[in-house]
Protein backbone atom coordinates (compact mmCIF):
# COMPACT_ATOMS: atom_id res chain seq x y z
CA MET A 1 100.06 82.18 100.53
CA GLN A 2 98.81 85.73 100.99
CA ARG A 3 99.01 88.23 98.14
CA LEU A 4 101.78 90.79 98.39
CA SER A 5 99.27 93.64 98.08
CA SER A 6 97.50 92.55 101.25
CA GLN A 7 100.78 92.66 103.17
CA ILE A 8 101.88 96.15 102.09
CA PRO A 9 100.24 98.12 104.96
CA ARG A 10 101.64 95.82 107.64
CA ILE A 11 105.15 95.67 106.18
CA LEU A 12 105.50 99.40 105.48
CA GLY A 13 104.15 100.22 108.92
CA SER A 14 106.79 97.95 110.44
CA ILE A 15 109.62 99.87 108.74
CA GLY A 16 108.56 103.24 110.09
CA LEU A 17 106.42 104.60 107.28
CA GLY A 18 103.16 104.37 109.23
CA SER A 19 102.49 108.13 109.42
CA LYS A 20 102.61 108.53 105.63
CA LEU A 21 101.25 105.07 104.96
CA ASP A 22 97.52 105.86 105.14
CA ASP A 23 97.88 108.60 102.53
CA ASP A 24 99.97 106.70 100.02
CA ILE A 25 98.31 103.33 100.44
CA VAL A 26 94.96 104.88 99.43
CA VAL A 27 96.54 106.11 96.18
CA LEU A 28 98.04 102.67 95.58
CA ALA A 29 94.65 101.11 96.31
CA TRP A 30 93.01 103.37 93.71
CA HIS A 31 95.31 101.99 91.04
CA ARG A 32 94.64 98.46 92.18
CA VAL A 33 90.83 98.65 92.28
CA SER A 34 90.05 101.13 89.49
CA GLY A 35 91.15 98.81 86.71
CA ASN A 36 92.93 99.67 83.48
CA PHE A 37 90.11 101.52 81.74
CA VAL A 38 89.33 103.88 84.62
CA GLY A 39 92.93 103.96 85.88
CA LEU A 40 94.33 105.22 82.57
CA ARG A 41 91.81 108.07 82.43
CA THR A 42 92.01 109.21 86.04
CA LYS A 43 94.70 110.13 88.54
CA ALA A 44 94.58 109.58 92.26
CA ILE A 45 96.10 112.73 93.74
CA GLY A 46 96.09 111.86 97.42
CA ARG A 47 94.14 111.61 100.61
CA ASP A 48 92.45 114.57 102.25
CA GLY A 49 91.04 113.48 105.59
CA ASP A 50 88.49 110.78 104.90
CA SER A 51 88.41 111.54 101.16
CA LEU A 52 90.46 110.31 98.22
CA VAL A 53 91.07 113.12 95.74
CA VAL A 54 90.92 111.94 92.12
CA ALA A 55 91.46 114.00 88.97
CA VAL A 56 89.49 113.31 85.80
CA PRO A 57 89.76 114.91 82.34
CA ASP A 58 86.20 116.27 82.05
CA GLU A 59 82.63 116.45 83.36
CA GLN A 60 81.68 113.21 81.64
CA TRP A 61 84.34 111.30 83.57
CA LYS A 62 83.29 113.07 86.75
CA GLY A 63 79.77 111.73 86.20
CA HIS A 64 81.11 108.20 85.65
CA LEU A 65 83.08 108.32 88.89
CA ILE A 66 80.14 109.68 90.85
CA GLU A 67 78.20 106.58 89.76
CA LEU A 68 81.10 104.23 90.55
CA ALA A 69 82.09 105.88 93.84
CA PRO A 70 80.20 103.64 96.29
CA HIS A 71 81.66 100.50 94.72
CA LEU A 72 85.17 101.95 94.47
CA ILE A 73 85.12 103.21 98.08
CA ALA A 74 84.12 99.75 99.32
CA ARG A 75 86.87 98.04 97.28
CA ILE A 76 89.50 100.59 98.37
CA ASN A 77 88.58 100.14 102.03
CA GLU A 78 88.89 96.35 101.67
CA PHE A 79 92.33 96.80 100.12
CA ILE A 80 93.71 99.29 102.66
CA GLU A 81 92.53 97.57 105.83
CA PRO A 82 93.80 98.10 108.55
CA ALA A 83 94.58 101.69 107.45
CA ALA A 84 91.94 104.33 108.14
CA PRO A 85 89.05 103.94 105.66
CA ILE A 86 87.90 106.57 103.20
CA SER A 87 84.30 107.77 103.10
CA PHE A 88 84.29 109.93 99.97
CA ILE A 89 85.94 110.37 96.59
CA ARG A 90 86.43 114.06 95.81
CA ILE A 91 86.64 114.54 92.06
CA GLU A 92 88.59 117.37 90.43
CA ILE A 93 88.79 118.16 86.73
CA ASP A 94 92.23 118.33 85.10
CA PRO A 95 92.10 118.30 81.27
CA LEU A 96 95.60 116.79 81.10
CA VAL A 97 94.63 113.65 83.02
CA GLY A 98 94.41 110.63 80.75
CA THR A 99 96.14 112.34 77.82
CA GLY A 100 99.64 111.10 78.54
CA MET A 101 100.71 114.68 79.28
CA ARG A 102 101.75 115.70 82.76
CA SER A 103 99.86 118.27 84.78
CA ALA A 104 101.57 121.47 85.86
CA GLY A 105 103.97 120.89 88.72
CA ALA A 106 104.26 117.15 88.11
CA THR A 107 107.69 115.62 88.33
CA GLU A 108 108.99 112.29 87.20
CA ASP A 109 111.10 110.22 89.53
CA VAL A 110 113.51 107.53 88.44
CA HIS A 111 113.56 104.31 90.39
CA THR A 112 115.07 100.89 89.95
CA VAL A 113 112.73 97.97 89.57
CA ALA A 114 115.18 95.51 88.03
CA ASP A 115 114.71 91.91 89.13
CA THR A 116 111.03 92.38 89.95
CA THR A 117 107.86 91.04 88.40
CA PRO A 118 105.76 93.12 85.99
CA GLU A 119 103.04 93.36 88.68
CA ILE A 120 105.49 94.86 91.18
CA GLU A 121 106.92 97.18 88.54
CA GLU A 122 103.43 98.42 87.65
CA ALA A 123 102.53 98.93 91.31
CA ALA A 124 105.79 100.80 91.97
CA ASP A 125 105.19 103.12 89.01
CA ARG A 126 101.90 104.19 90.55
CA ILE A 127 103.36 105.23 93.91
CA GLU A 128 104.02 108.97 93.66
CA ASN A 129 105.92 109.41 96.92
CA ALA A 130 109.56 108.61 96.02
CA GLU A 131 110.52 107.45 99.53
CA LEU A 132 107.52 105.15 99.78
CA ARG A 133 108.11 103.84 96.23
CA GLU A 134 111.74 102.98 97.00
CA SER A 135 110.70 101.30 100.27
CA PHE A 136 108.06 99.33 98.41
CA ILE A 137 110.59 98.16 95.80
CA ARG A 138 113.14 97.15 98.46
CA MET A 139 110.45 95.31 100.42
CA ALA A 140 109.14 93.52 97.31
CA LYS A 141 112.65 92.44 96.28
CA SER A 142 113.31 91.17 99.77
CA ILE A 143 110.11 89.13 99.78
CA GLN A 144 110.90 87.76 96.31
CA ARG A 145 114.35 86.64 97.46
CA SER A 146 112.92 84.90 100.53
CA ASN A 147 110.32 82.96 98.52
């Protein structure tokens, strides 16, 4: 059986979210491949052409990500295939990232993840685009019911 995460690009593309899919799937991939330690101290902001924009709290974290970038880019591209690959990680400094505080302009969306697994709930919480997040939750629930 294939992992749900490997089916996300195909399924979301089939329900008409293909134009936004490449952008949001790269952010989702960041959360998947960066791991808990890096993921809690960074924030994937979005895609800009062939770059993933990631915010970090300070210069020290910027240096860490510069060192990790080749590995992370390769893992992200594996995860997002067949979406367009990324070539770079552009790193921005935001002192609020990783502090539990929200950056200026950030909003919090409410979504329903009842009757899902903790893995799906965690993945849904990391999708910033509300429409994509809701589609992801509906799709995951549908797959769970069919299994």
